[in-house]
C-alpha atoms as a PDB file:
ATOM      1  CA  UNK A   1      51.122  19.219-188.473  1.00  0.00           C
ATOM      2  CA  UNK A   2      48.224  21.533-189.130  1.00  0.00           C
ATOM      3  CA  UNK A   3      50.274  23.749-191.427  1.00  0.00           C
ATOM      4  CA  UNK A   4      51.544  20.688-193.353  1.00  0.00           C
ATOM      5  CA  UNK A   5      48.019  19.350-193.686  1.00  0.00           C
ATOM      6  CA  UNK A   6      46.820  22.694-195.003  1.00  0.00           C
ATOM      7  CA  UNK A   7      49.687  22.796-197.472  1.00  0.00           C
ATOM      8  CA  UNK A   8      48.863  19.287-198.656  1.00  0.00           C
ATOM      9  CA  UNK A   9      45.202  20.186-198.912  1.00  0.00           C
ATOM     10  CA  UNK A  10      46.036  23.312-200.903  1.00  0.00           C
ATOM     11  CA  UNK A  11      48.217  21.252-203.257  1.00  0.00           C
ATOM     12  CA  UNK A  12      45.486  18.648-203.671  1.00  0.00           C
ATOM     13  CA  UNK A  13      42.919  21.318-204.508  1.00  0.00           C
ATOM     14  CA  UNK A  14      45.296  22.870-207.028  1.00  0.00           C
ATOM     15  CA  UNK A  15      45.934  19.484-208.629  1.00  0.00           C
ATOM     16  CA  UNK A  16      42.222  18.721-208.814  1.00  0.00           C
ATOM     17  CA  UNK A  17      41.522  22.109-210.384  1.00  0.00           C
ATOM     18  CA  UNK A  18      44.274  21.545-212.931  1.00  0.00           C
ATOM     19  CA  UNK A  19      42.844  18.148-213.853  1.00  0.00           C
ATOM     20  CA  UNK A  20      39.363  19.592-214.180  1.00  0.00           C
ATOM     21  CA  UNK A  21      40.729  22.191-216.561  1.00  0.00           C
ATOM     22  CA  UNK A  22      42.708  19.669-218.603  1.00  0.00           C
ATOM     23  CA  UNK A  23      40.131  16.907-219.041  1.00  0.00           C
ATOM     24  CA  UNK A  24      37.540  18.943-220.969  1.00  0.00           C
ATOM     25  CA  UNK A  25      40.340  20.320-223.139  1.00  0.00           C
ATOM     26  CA  UNK A  26      41.519  16.783-223.906  1.00  0.00           C
ATOM     27  CA  UNK A  27      37.970  15.789-224.786  1.00  0.00           C
ATOM     28  CA  UNK A  28      37.761  18.771-227.088  1.00  0.00           C
ATOM     29  CA  UNK A  29      41.109  17.818-228.629  1.00  0.00           C
ATOM     30  CA  UNK A  30      39.493  14.816-230.347  1.00  0.00           C
ATOM     31  CA  UNK A  31      39.440  15.482-234.052  1.00  0.00           C
ATOM     32  CA  UNK A  32      36.410  14.766-236.207  1.00  0.00           C
ATOM     33  CA  UNK A  33      36.908  13.838-239.854  1.00  0.00           C
ATOM     34  CA  UNK A  34      34.280  13.313-242.535  1.00  0.00           C
ATOM     35  CA  UNK A  35      34.984  10.409-244.889  1.00  0.00           C
ATOM     36  CA  UNK A  36      33.608   9.237-248.244  1.00  0.00           C
ATOM     37  CA  UNK A  37      33.670   5.475-248.752  1.00  0.00           C
ATOM     38  CA  UNK A  38      33.334   3.155-251.717  1.00  0.00           C
ATOM     39  CA  UNK A  39      29.787   2.540-252.987  1.00  0.00           C
ATOM     40  CA  UNK A  40      27.834  -0.016-250.974  1.00  0.00           C
ATOM     41  CA  UNK A  41      27.060  -1.745-254.248  1.00  0.00           C
ATOM     42  CA  UNK A  42      30.705  -2.672-254.834  1.00  0.00           C
ATOM     43  CA  UNK A  43      30.442  -5.363-252.187  1.00  0.00           C
ATOM     44  CA  UNK A  44      32.714  -7.244-249.850  1.00  0.00           C
ATOM     45  CA  UNK A  45      35.850  -5.086-249.743  1.00  0.00           C
ATOM     46  CA  UNK A  46      33.763  -2.090-248.773  1.00  0.00           C
ATOM     47  CA  UNK A  47      31.690  -4.115-246.314  1.00  0.00           C
ATOM     48  CA  UNK A  48      34.320  -6.309-244.664  1.00  0.00           C
ATOM     49  CA  UNK A  49      37.501  -4.226-244.801  1.00  0.00           C
ATOM     50  CA  UNK A  50      36.891  -0.546-245.429  1.00  0.00           C
ATOM     51  CA  UNK A  51      33.797   0.237-243.378  1.00  0.00           C
ATOM     52  CA  UNK A  52      34.985  -1.580-240.215  1.00  0.00           C
ATOM     53  CA  UNK A  53      38.311   0.284-240.444  1.00  0.00           C
ATOM     54  CA  UNK A  54      36.661   3.698-240.524  1.00  0.00           C
ATOM     55  CA  UNK A  55      34.024   2.826-237.941  1.00  0.00           C
ATOM     56  CA  UNK A  56      36.802   1.760-235.537  1.00  0.00           C
ATOM     57  CA  UNK A  57      39.193   4.470-236.672  1.00  0.00           C
ATOM     58  CA  UNK A  58      40.506   5.536-233.265  1.00  0.00           C
ATOM     59  CA  UNK A  59      41.271   1.947-232.270  1.00  0.00           C
ATOM     60  CA  UNK A  60      42.836   1.068-235.637  1.00  0.00           C
ATOM     61  CA  UNK A  61      45.054   4.166-235.756  1.00  0.00           C
ATOM     62  CA  UNK A  62      45.725   4.777-232.060  1.00  0.00           C
ATOM     63  CA  UNK A  63      44.643   8.383-232.589  1.00  0.00           C
ATOM     64  CA  UNK A  64      41.929  10.476-230.933  1.00  0.00           C
ATOM     65  CA  UNK A  65      40.008  10.871-234.174  1.00  0.00           C
ATOM     66  CA  UNK A  66      36.339  10.165-234.760  1.00  0.00           C
ATOM     67  CA  UNK A  67      35.283   9.567-238.351  1.00  0.00           C
ATOM     68  CA  UNK A  68      31.865  10.117-239.864  1.00  0.00           C
ATOM     69  CA  UNK A  69      32.010   7.530-242.667  1.00  0.00           C
ATOM     70  CA  UNK A  70      29.451   7.406-245.480  1.00  0.00           C
ATOM     71  CA  UNK A  71      29.537   5.242-248.656  1.00  0.00           C
ATOM     72  CA  UNK A  72      29.423   7.553-251.646  1.00  0.00           C
ATOM     73  CA  UNK A  73      26.199   6.077-253.030  1.00  0.00           C
ATOM     74  CA  UNK A  74      24.397   7.241-249.877  1.00  0.00           C
ATOM     75  CA  UNK A  75      25.553  10.858-250.191  1.00  0.00           C
ATOM     76  CA  UNK A  76      24.164  12.030-253.511  1.00  0.00           C
ATOM     77  CA  UNK A  77      27.696  12.778-254.700  1.00  0.00           C
ATOM     78  CA  UNK A  78      29.015  11.337-257.960  1.00  0.00           C
ATOM     79  CA  UNK A  79      32.128   9.184-257.719  1.00  0.00           C
ATOM     80  CA  UNK A  80      33.708  11.449-260.354  1.00  0.00           C
ATOM     81  CA  UNK A  81      33.567  14.418-257.961  1.00  0.00           C
ATOM     82  CA  UNK A  82      35.682  13.178-255.073  1.00  0.00           C
ATOM     83  CA  UNK A  83      38.729  15.368-255.692  1.00  0.00           C
ATOM     84  CA  UNK A  84      36.530  18.432-256.123  1.00  0.00           C
ATOM     85  CA  UNK A  85      34.702  17.979-252.819  1.00  0.00           C
ATOM     86  CA  UNK A  86      37.993  17.402-251.022  1.00  0.00           C
ATOM     87  CA  UNK A  87      39.526  20.529-252.532  1.00  0.00           C
ATOM     88  CA  UNK A  88      36.429  22.447-251.425  1.00  0.00           C
ATOM     89  CA  UNK A  89      36.974  21.174-247.877  1.00  0.00           C
ATOM     90  CA  UNK A  90      33.693  19.272-247.658  1.00  0.00           C
ATOM     91  CA  UNK A  91      35.364  15.975-246.700  1.00  0.00           C
ATOM     92  CA  UNK A  92      38.651  15.103-245.000  1.00  0.00           C
ATOM     93  CA  UNK A  93      39.212  11.486-246.028  1.00  0.00           C
ATOM     94  CA  UNK A  94      38.179   9.750-249.237  1.00  0.00           C
ATOM     95  CA  UNK A  95      38.282   6.220-250.579  1.00  0.00           C
ATOM     96  CA  UNK A  96      39.415   7.508-253.959  1.00  0.00           C
ATOM     97  CA  UNK A  97      38.090   5.876-257.111  1.00  0.00           C
ATOM     98  CA  UNK A  98      41.063   6.244-259.427  1.00  0.00           C
ATOM     99  CA  UNK A  99      39.611   5.774-262.906  1.00  0.00           C
ATOM    100  CA  UNK A 100      36.464   7.715-262.115  1.00  0.00           C
ATOM    101  CA  UNK A 101      38.430  10.779-261.006  1.00  0.00           C
ATOM    102  CA  UNK A 102      40.956  10.662-263.828  1.00  0.00           C
ATOM    103  CA  UNK A 103      38.930  13.147-265.887  1.00  0.00           C
ATOM    104  CA  UNK A 104      39.699  15.772-263.253  1.00  0.00           C
ATOM    105  CA  UNK A 105      43.297  14.575-262.906  1.00  0.00           C
ATOM    106  CA  UNK A 106      44.569  12.421-265.813  1.00  0.00           C
ATOM    107  CA  UNK A 107      47.815  11.668-263.940  1.00  0.00           C
ATOM    108  CA  UNK A 108      45.806   9.291-261.738  1.00  0.00           C
ATOM    109  CA  UNK A 109      45.128   6.921-264.615  1.00  0.00           C
ATOM    110  CA  UNK A 110      48.831   6.222-265.007  1.00  0.00           C
ATOM    111  CA  UNK A 111      48.324   3.886-262.053  1.00  0.00           C
ATOM    112  CA  UNK A 112      46.010   1.629-264.032  1.00  0.00           C
ATOM    113  CA  UNK A 113      46.455   1.747-267.807  1.00  0.00           C
ATOM    114  CA  UNK A 114      44.661  -1.014-269.714  1.00  0.00           C
ATOM    115  CA  UNK A 115      46.941  -4.029-269.992  1.00  0.00           C
ATOM    116  CA  UNK A 116      49.586  -2.752-267.561  1.00  0.00           C
ATOM    117  CA  UNK A 117      48.527  -4.827-264.549  1.00  0.00           C
ATOM    118  CA  UNK A 118      47.142  -8.175-265.716  1.00  0.00           C
ATOM    119  CA  UNK A 119      47.818  -9.775-262.312  1.00  0.00           C
ATOM    120  CA  UNK A 120      48.141  -8.817-258.650  1.00  0.00           C
ATOM    121  CA  UNK A 121      51.943  -9.057-258.447  1.00  0.00           C
ATOM    122  CA  UNK A 122      52.382  -6.676-261.366  1.00  0.00           C
ATOM    123  CA  UNK A 123      49.703  -4.363-260.017  1.00  0.00           C
ATOM    124  CA  UNK A 124      51.589  -3.983-256.737  1.00  0.00           C
ATOM    125  CA  UNK A 125      54.824  -3.157-258.551  1.00  0.00           C
ATOM    126  CA  UNK A 126      53.144  -0.588-260.770  1.00  0.00           C
ATOM    127  CA  UNK A 127      51.349   1.112-257.877  1.00  0.00           C
ATOM    128  CA  UNK A 128      54.560   1.364-255.821  1.00  0.00           C
ATOM    129  CA  UNK A 129      56.546   2.688-258.774  1.00  0.00           C
ATOM    130  CA  UNK A 130      54.026   5.434-259.542  1.00  0.00           C
ATOM    131  CA  UNK A 131      52.820   6.270-256.025  1.00  0.00           C
ATOM    132  CA  UNK A 132      55.066   9.269-255.348  1.00  0.00           C
ATOM    133  CA  UNK A 133      54.241  10.820-258.726  1.00  0.00           C
ATOM    134  CA  UNK A 134      50.511  10.701-258.042  1.00  0.00           C
ATOM    135  CA  UNK A 135      50.920  11.908-254.466  1.00  0.00           C
ATOM    136  CA  UNK A 136      52.940  14.943-255.547  1.00  0.00           C
ATOM    137  CA  UNK A 137      50.431  15.827-258.254  1.00  0.00           C
ATOM    138  CA  UNK A 138      47.405  15.560-255.957  1.00  0.00           C
ATOM    139  CA  UNK A 139      49.102  17.723-253.350  1.00  0.00           C
ATOM    140  CA  UNK A 140      49.913  20.382-255.931  1.00  0.00           C
ATOM    141  CA  UNK A 141      46.568  20.483-257.737  1.00  0.00           C
ATOM    142  CA  UNK A 142      44.021  19.564-255.081  1.00  0.00           C
ATOM    143  CA  UNK A 143      45.775  20.009-251.723  1.00  0.00           C
ATOM    144  CA  UNK A 144      45.227  16.279-251.168  1.00  0.00           C
ATOM    145  CA  UNK A 145      47.719  13.675-249.944  1.00  0.00           C
ATOM    146  CA  UNK A 146      47.653  10.076-251.184  1.00  0.00           C
ATOM    147  CA  UNK A 147      47.925   7.623-248.285  1.00  0.00           C
ATOM    148  CA  UNK A 148      47.610   4.195-249.929  1.00  0.00           C
ATOM    149  CA  UNK A 149      46.647   2.338-253.097  1.00  0.00           C
ATOM    150  CA  UNK A 150      44.705  -0.940-253.266  1.00  0.00           C
ATOM    151  CA  UNK A 151      42.862  -3.045-255.896  1.00  0.00           C
ATOM    152  CA  UNK A 152      39.358  -4.281-256.450  1.00  0.00           C
ATOM    153  CA  UNK A 153      41.112  -6.781-258.697  1.00  0.00           C
ATOM    154  CA  UNK A 154      41.167  -7.644-262.404  1.00  0.00           C
ATOM    155  CA  UNK A 155      38.255  -6.096-264.280  1.00  0.00           C
ATOM    156  CA  UNK A 156      36.655  -8.638-266.606  1.00  0.00           C
ATOM    157  CA  UNK A 157      33.927  -8.800-269.237  1.00  0.00           C
ATOM    158  CA  UNK A 158      30.286  -9.751-268.640  1.00  0.00           C
ATOM    159  CA  UNK A 159      27.879 -10.092-271.586  1.00  0.00           C
ATOM    160  CA  UNK A 160      24.206 -10.879-272.063  1.00  0.00           C
ATOM    161  CA  UNK A 161      24.931 -12.229-275.540  1.00  0.00           C
ATOM    162  CA  UNK A 162      27.011 -15.339-276.317  1.00  0.00           C
ATOM    163  CA  UNK A 163      30.747 -14.714-276.746  1.00  0.00           C
ATOM    164  CA  UNK A 164      33.650 -17.116-277.287  1.00  0.00           C
ATOM    165  CA  UNK A 165      36.476 -14.577-277.503  1.00  0.00           C
ATOM    166  CA  UNK A 166      37.144 -10.887-276.992  1.00  0.00           C
ATOM    167  CA  UNK A 167      36.653 -10.063-280.668  1.00  0.00           C
ATOM    168  CA  UNK A 168      33.009 -11.132-280.356  1.00  0.00           C
ATOM    169  CA  UNK A 169      32.150  -7.781-278.745  1.00  0.00           C
ATOM    170  CA  UNK A 170      32.493  -6.193-282.186  1.00  0.00           C
ATOM    171  CA  UNK A 171      29.327  -4.171-282.793  1.00  0.00           C
ATOM    172  CA  UNK A 172      28.211  -4.520-279.152  1.00  0.00           C
ATOM    173  CA  UNK A 173      27.662  -1.717-276.639  1.00  0.00           C
ATOM    174  CA  UNK A 174      29.997  -2.136-273.658  1.00  0.00           C
ATOM    175  CA  UNK A 175      29.802  -0.342-270.321  1.00  0.00           C
ATOM    176  CA  UNK A 176      33.140   1.327-269.510  1.00  0.00           C
ATOM    177  CA  UNK A 177      34.244   3.587-266.672  1.00  0.00           C
ATOM    178  CA  UNK A 178      37.216   5.565-268.071  1.00  0.00           C
ATOM    179  CA  UNK A 179      38.559   6.885-271.363  1.00  0.00           C
ATOM    180  CA  UNK A 180      41.505   4.501-271.419  1.00  0.00           C
ATOM    181  CA  UNK A 181      39.240   1.471-271.315  1.00  0.00           C
ATOM    182  CA  UNK A 182      36.901   3.078-273.831  1.00  0.00           C
ATOM    183  CA  UNK A 183      39.763   3.436-276.336  1.00  0.00           C
ATOM    184  CA  UNK A 184      40.609  -0.252-275.983  1.00  0.00           C
ATOM    185  CA  UNK A 185      36.977  -1.335-276.463  1.00  0.00           C
ATOM    186  CA  UNK A 186      36.899   0.761-279.639  1.00  0.00           C
ATOM    187  CA  UNK A 187      40.080  -0.970-280.857  1.00  0.00           C
ATOM    188  CA  UNK A 188      38.399  -4.353-280.505  1.00  0.00           C
ATOM    189  CA  UNK A 189      35.311  -3.118-282.355  1.00  0.00           C
ATOM    190  CA  UNK A 190      32.914  -2.487-279.495  1.00  0.00           C
ATOM    191  CA  UNK A 191      31.052   0.724-278.702  1.00  0.00           C
ATOM    192  CA  UNK A 192      32.016   2.073-275.269  1.00  0.00           C
ATOM    193  CA  UNK A 193      29.205   3.509-273.145  1.00  0.00           C
ATOM    194  CA  UNK A 194      30.155   5.358-269.934  1.00  0.00           C
ATOM    195  CA  UNK A 195      27.785   4.268-267.157  1.00  0.00           C
ATOM    196  CA  UNK A 196      28.211   4.473-263.383  1.00  0.00           C
ATOM    197  CA  UNK A 197      28.518   1.208-261.490  1.00  0.00           C
ATOM    198  CA  UNK A 198      25.227   1.795-259.680  1.00  0.00           C
ATOM    199  CA  UNK A 199      23.324   2.158-262.961  1.00  0.00           C
ATOM    200  CA  UNK A 200      24.903  -0.775-264.796  1.00  0.00           C
ATOM    201  CA  UNK A 201      22.589  -3.581-263.632  1.00  0.00           C
ATOM    202  CA  UNK A 202      19.537  -1.722-264.919  1.00  0.00           C
ATOM    203  CA  UNK A 203      21.342  -0.773-268.141  1.00  0.00           C
ATOM    204  CA  UNK A 204      22.132  -4.425-268.824  1.00  0.00           C
ATOM    205  CA  UNK A 205      18.574  -5.443-267.968  1.00  0.00           C
ATOM    206  CA  UNK A 206      17.044  -2.849-270.297  1.00  0.00           C
ATOM    207  CA  UNK A 207      19.477  -3.520-273.135  1.00  0.00           C
ATOM    208  CA  UNK A 208      21.132  -0.109-272.948  1.00  0.00           C
ATOM    209  CA  UNK A 209      24.384  -2.075-273.104  1.00  0.00           C
ATOM    210  CA  UNK A 210      25.145  -5.643-274.202  1.00  0.00           C
ATOM    211  CA  UNK A 211      28.239  -6.111-272.055  1.00  0.00           C
ATOM    212  CA  UNK A 212      29.894  -4.476-269.058  1.00  0.00           C
ATOM    213  CA  UNK A 213      33.272  -4.546-267.345  1.00  0.00           C
ATOM    214  CA  UNK A 214      33.954  -4.823-263.617  1.00  0.00           C
ATOM    215  CA  UNK A 215      35.494  -7.228-261.093  1.00  0.00           C
ATOM    216  CA  UNK A 216      33.788 -10.605-260.581  1.00  0.00           C
ATOM    217  CA  UNK A 217      33.201 -10.013-256.859  1.00  0.00           C
ATOM    218  CA  UNK A 218      31.594  -6.604-257.400  1.00  0.00           C
ATOM    219  CA  UNK A 219      29.493  -8.080-260.217  1.00  0.00           C
ATOM    220  CA  UNK A 220      28.333 -10.864-257.924  1.00  0.00           C
ATOM    221  CA  UNK A 221      27.415  -8.467-255.110  1.00  0.00           C
ATOM    222  CA  UNK A 222      25.535  -6.197-257.513  1.00  0.00           C
ATOM    223  CA  UNK A 223      23.656  -9.070-259.188  1.00  0.00           C
ATOM    224  CA  UNK A 224      25.076  -8.630-262.675  1.00  0.00           C
ATOM    225  CA  UNK A 225      24.875 -12.401-263.342  1.00  0.00           C
ATOM    226  CA  UNK A 226      21.078 -12.023-263.078  1.00  0.00           C
ATOM    227  CA  UNK A 227      21.115 -10.006-266.303  1.00  0.00           C
ATOM    228  CA  UNK A 228      24.109 -11.525-268.146  1.00  0.00           C
ATOM    229  CA  UNK A 229      24.988 -14.976-269.468  1.00  0.00           C
ATOM    230  CA  UNK A 230      28.766 -15.053-270.068  1.00  0.00           C
ATOM    231  CA  UNK A 231      31.918 -13.957-268.246  1.00  0.00           C
ATOM    232  CA  UNK A 232      35.353 -13.679-269.873  1.00  0.00           C
ATOM    233  CA  UNK A 233      37.989 -13.587-267.074  1.00  0.00           C
ATOM    234  CA  UNK A 234      40.496 -11.529-269.020  1.00  0.00           C
ATOM    235  CA  UNK A 235      41.847  -8.728-266.803  1.00  0.00           C
ATOM    236  CA  UNK A 236      41.660  -5.343-268.521  1.00  0.00           C
ATOM    237  CA  UNK A 237      42.702  -3.275-265.509  1.00  0.00           C
ATOM    238  CA  UNK A 238      43.393  -3.866-261.813  1.00  0.00           C
ATOM    239  CA  UNK A 239      40.784  -1.275-260.719  1.00  0.00           C
ATOM    240  CA  UNK A 240      43.177   0.429-258.372  1.00  0.00           C
ATOM    241  CA  UNK A 241      41.739   2.771-255.779  1.00  0.00           C
ATOM    242  CA  UNK A 242      43.338   4.879-253.094  1.00  0.00           C
ATOM    243  CA  UNK A 243      42.911   6.485-249.718  1.00  0.00           C
ATOM    244  CA  UNK A 244      43.510  10.213-249.602  1.00  0.00           C
ATOM    245  CA  UNK A 245      43.408  12.955-246.981  1.00  0.00           C
ATOM    246  CA  UNK A 246      43.194  16.712-247.362  1.00  0.00           C
ATOM    247  CA  UNK A 247      46.414  18.520-246.493  1.00  0.00           C
ATOM    248  CA  UNK A 248      44.403  20.636-244.063  1.00  0.00           C
ATOM    249  CA  UNK A 249      43.432  17.512-242.101  1.00  0.00           C
ATOM    250  CA  UNK A 250      46.926  15.999-242.441  1.00  0.00           C
ATOM    251  CA  UNK A 251      48.577  19.157-241.120  1.00  0.00           C
ATOM    252  CA  UNK A 252      46.390  19.105-238.016  1.00  0.00           C
ATOM    253  CA  UNK A 253      48.404  16.071-236.933  1.00  0.00           C
ATOM    254  CA  UNK A 254      51.809  16.110-235.280  1.00  0.00           C
ATOM    255  CA  UNK A 255      54.614  14.135-236.989  1.00  0.00           C
ATOM    256  CA  UNK A 256      54.202  11.135-234.679  1.00  0.00           C
ATOM    257  CA  UNK A 257      50.426  11.163-235.316  1.00  0.00           C
ATOM    258  CA  UNK A 258      50.996  11.356-239.062  1.00  0.00           C
ATOM    259  CA  UNK A 259      53.255   8.308-238.793  1.00  0.00           C
ATOM    260  CA  UNK A 260      50.550   6.376-236.926  1.00  0.00           C
ATOM    261  CA  UNK A 261      47.917   7.328-239.483  1.00  0.00           C
ATOM    262  CA  UNK A 262      50.142   6.333-242.381  1.00  0.00           C
ATOM    263  CA  UNK A 263      50.991   2.999-240.747  1.00  0.00           C
ATOM    264  CA  UNK A 264      47.303   2.232-240.245  1.00  0.00           C
ATOM    265  CA  UNK A 265      46.468   2.900-243.892  1.00  0.00           C
ATOM    266  CA  UNK A 266      49.473   0.860-245.012  1.00  0.00           C
ATOM    267  CA  UNK A 267      48.095  -2.016-242.965  1.00  0.00           C
ATOM    268  CA  UNK A 268      44.591  -1.620-244.377  1.00  0.00           C
ATOM    269  CA  UNK A 269      45.811  -1.549-247.981  1.00  0.00           C
ATOM    270  CA  UNK A 270      47.960  -4.654-247.422  1.00  0.00           C
ATOM    271  CA  UNK A 271      44.904  -6.447-246.015  1.00  0.00           C
ATOM    272  CA  UNK A 272      42.847  -5.473-249.057  1.00  0.00           C
ATOM    273  CA  UNK A 273      45.507  -6.636-251.554  1.00  0.00           C
ATOM    274  CA  UNK A 274      45.433 -10.087-249.960  1.00  0.00           C
ATOM    275  CA  UNK A 275      41.650 -10.179-249.528  1.00  0.00           C
ATOM    276  CA  UNK A 276      40.985  -9.003-253.079  1.00  0.00           C
ATOM    277  CA  UNK A 277      43.060 -11.795-254.572  1.00  0.00           C
ATOM    278  CA  UNK A 278      41.190 -14.412-252.546  1.00  0.00           C
ATOM    279  CA  UNK A 279      37.844 -12.934-253.572  1.00  0.00           C
ATOM    280  CA  UNK A 280      38.703 -12.898-257.267  1.00  0.00           C
ATOM    281  CA  UNK A 281      38.865 -16.648-257.872  1.00  0.00           C
ATOM    282  CA  UNK A 282      36.069 -17.358-255.423  1.00  0.00           C
ATOM    283  CA  UNK A 283      33.771 -14.914-257.242  1.00  0.00           C
ATOM    284  CA  UNK A 284      34.582 -16.426-260.645  1.00  0.00           C
ATOM    285  CA  UNK A 285      33.514 -19.789-259.214  1.00  0.00           C
ATOM    286  CA  UNK A 286      30.335 -18.361-257.697  1.00  0.00           C
ATOM    287  CA  UNK A 287      29.316 -16.611-260.909  1.00  0.00           C
ATOM    288  CA  UNK A 288      29.709 -19.856-262.845  1.00  0.00           C
ATOM    289  CA  UNK A 289      27.946 -21.954-260.177  1.00  0.00           C
ATOM    290  CA  UNK A 290      31.073 -23.869-259.189  1.00  0.00           C
ATOM    291  CA  UNK A 291      32.720 -24.786-255.894  1.00  0.00           C
ATOM    292  CA  UNK A 292      34.431 -23.531-253.861  1.00  0.00           C
ATOM    293  CA  UNK A 293      32.108 -20.556-253.549  1.00  0.00           C
ATOM    294  CA  UNK A 294      32.547 -19.197-250.042  1.00  0.00           C
ATOM    295  CA  UNK A 295      31.765 -15.491-250.294  1.00  0.00           C
ATOM    296  CA  UNK A 296      29.114 -14.951-252.941  1.00  0.00           C
ATOM    297  CA  UNK A 297      25.875 -16.126-254.450  1.00  0.00           C
ATOM    298  CA  UNK A 298      25.906 -18.919-257.029  1.00  0.00           C
ATOM    299  CA  UNK A 299      24.791 -18.145-260.558  1.00  0.00           C
ATOM    300  CA  UNK A 300      25.086 -20.027-263.856  1.00  0.00           C
ATOM    301  CA  UNK A 301      27.241 -17.897-266.137  1.00  0.00           C
ATOM    302  CA  UNK A 302      29.184 -19.516-268.957  1.00  0.00           C
ATOM    303  CA  UNK A 303      32.871 -19.147-268.107  1.00  0.00           C
ATOM    304  CA  UNK A 304      34.591 -18.324-271.429  1.00  0.00           C
ATOM    305  CA  UNK A 305      38.185 -19.627-271.603  1.00  0.00           C
ATOM    306  CA  UNK A 306      40.841 -16.942-272.153  1.00  0.00           C
ATOM    307  CA  UNK A 307      42.662 -17.730-275.376  1.00  0.00           C
ATOM    308  CA  UNK A 308      46.405 -17.084-275.817  1.00  0.00           C
ATOM    309  CA  UNK A 309      45.488 -14.576-278.539  1.00  0.00           C
ATOM    310  CA  UNK A 310      43.269 -12.596-276.170  1.00  0.00           C
ATOM    311  CA  UNK A 311      45.974 -12.668-273.504  1.00  0.00           C
ATOM    312  CA  UNK A 312      48.478 -11.271-275.970  1.00  0.00           C
ATOM    313  CA  UNK A 313      46.010  -8.653-277.175  1.00  0.00           C
ATOM    314  CA  UNK A 314      45.510  -7.258-273.684  1.00  0.00           C
ATOM    315  CA  UNK A 315      49.254  -7.273-272.947  1.00  0.00           C
ATOM    316  CA  UNK A 316      49.975  -5.372-276.146  1.00  0.00           C
ATOM    317  CA  UNK A 317      47.327  -2.787-275.290  1.00  0.00           C
ATOM    318  CA  UNK A 318      49.760  -0.735-273.208  1.00  0.00           C
ATOM    319  CA  UNK A 319      52.054   0.234-276.064  1.00  0.00           C
ATOM    320  CA  UNK A 320      49.435   0.121-278.845  1.00  0.00           C
ATOM    321  CA  UNK A 321      46.520   1.958-277.262  1.00  0.00           C
ATOM    322  CA  UNK A 322      46.376   2.773-273.578  1.00  0.00           C
ATOM    323  CA  UNK A 323      49.710   4.523-273.053  1.00  0.00           C
ATOM    324  CA  UNK A 324      49.629   6.649-276.255  1.00  0.00           C
ATOM    325  CA  UNK A 325      46.008   7.695-275.694  1.00  0.00           C
ATOM    326  CA  UNK A 326      46.593   8.523-272.034  1.00  0.00           C
ATOM    327  CA  UNK A 327      49.929  10.272-272.590  1.00  0.00           C
ATOM    328  CA  UNK A 328      48.388  12.721-275.056  1.00  0.00           C
ATOM    329  CA  UNK A 329      45.637  13.687-272.615  1.00  0.00           C
ATOM    330  CA  UNK A 330      47.834  13.780-269.514  1.00  0.00           C
ATOM    331  CA  UNK A 331      50.634  15.865-271.018  1.00  0.00           C
ATOM    332  CA  UNK A 332      48.132  18.577-271.954  1.00  0.00           C
ATOM    333  CA  UNK A 333      47.208  19.190-268.316  1.00  0.00           C
ATOM    334  CA  UNK A 334      50.442  18.076-266.658  1.00  0.00           C
ATOM    335  CA  UNK A 335      53.581  18.788-268.645  1.00  0.00           C
ATOM    336  CA  UNK A 336      56.037  15.899-268.407  1.00  0.00           C
ATOM    337  CA  UNK A 337      53.362  13.494-267.213  1.00  0.00           C
ATOM    338  CA  UNK A 338      54.145  10.731-269.713  1.00  0.00           C
ATOM    339  CA  UNK A 339      57.891  11.180-269.288  1.00  0.00           C
ATOM    340  CA  UNK A 340      57.512  10.588-265.545  1.00  0.00           C
ATOM    341  CA  UNK A 341      55.536   7.396-266.207  1.00  0.00           C
ATOM    342  CA  UNK A 342      58.187   6.219-268.665  1.00  0.00           C
ATOM    343  CA  UNK A 343      60.871   6.812-266.048  1.00  0.00           C
ATOM    344  CA  UNK A 344      59.067   5.035-263.202  1.00  0.00           C
ATOM    345  CA  UNK A 345      56.535   2.469-264.465  1.00  0.00           C
ATOM    346  CA  UNK A 346      57.906   1.444-267.875  1.00  0.00           C
ATOM    347  CA  UNK A 347      60.994  -0.285-266.372  1.00  0.00           C
ATOM    348  CA  UNK A 348      58.726  -2.364-264.092  1.00  0.00           C
ATOM    349  CA  UNK A 349      56.826  -3.602-267.162  1.00  0.00           C
ATOM    350  CA  UNK A 350      59.950  -4.148-269.250  1.00  0.00           C
ATOM    351  CA  UNK A 351      58.899  -1.447-271.706  1.00  0.00           C
ATOM    352  CA  UNK A 352      61.701   0.510-273.356  1.00  0.00           C
END
């Protein structure tokens, strides 16, 4: 009995020693990723969907990963520099602002050409059709993998001067956020002025610009109706954004872990598509001081009806302005860029 007891004791000690060796290693095996989020100023999607996801990353993904999440407007980094800082290895995960980073990679803007996604259903189709093209390009040029695409929602016009139709912006200075939108504003007779979202409220207040374009929910959160008088709910773009991860971080994960991560981001993006659509109409109501207004602050903007002519003008923008202007720029840096868009997105939009 004594010899058996000693053997059992020896085995128990060995097991305990093995566990002691393994547990610290497992603790050390937790990965730590640094993440850039959307600007705080953009409002409810960042606050209610994105930030909680990253702050509860391990629980949401089922992975032993801790994330240090910071909204980009708290970091001192411009939202046009996201791809650069990822390529440099400074951050692992980014809530990618598509239009803002299209100067560094024009292919991105093929996701959101002016007039291509006037509604949520079309926006989903376009983003799915073009997803693999963008992912492949980001991997090649920046060593970055695209995980998901989601919308802030239709980007509309806010003005501090009376307008009754889109053509009334002729001669006015209009805040824009990418070259594609700038070309369209020029077509209508306005003067495009590139200004970051964070600086737009002050620019409107000081008269640097007469009008500005963003989503109604973001405008509400940022207080744009305090310094404007009219909103024209004509959707120029869907303001698509993405989630991206560096290939270095992605390759640290085993295939089953990669699948879990991808599934979690698919779930988050689906949530945001649904949430964004609900916010859109609610924010239009809030901005105009109407009910129901469940998620924002009430203001007293004049809600300008969208005329059939303006609707047709924005739909025709793809073939008349946005695609030709973008294709010329994109093909210079990425040979075959426009041909790939024509093969994937054009059929979704019924463009031949």
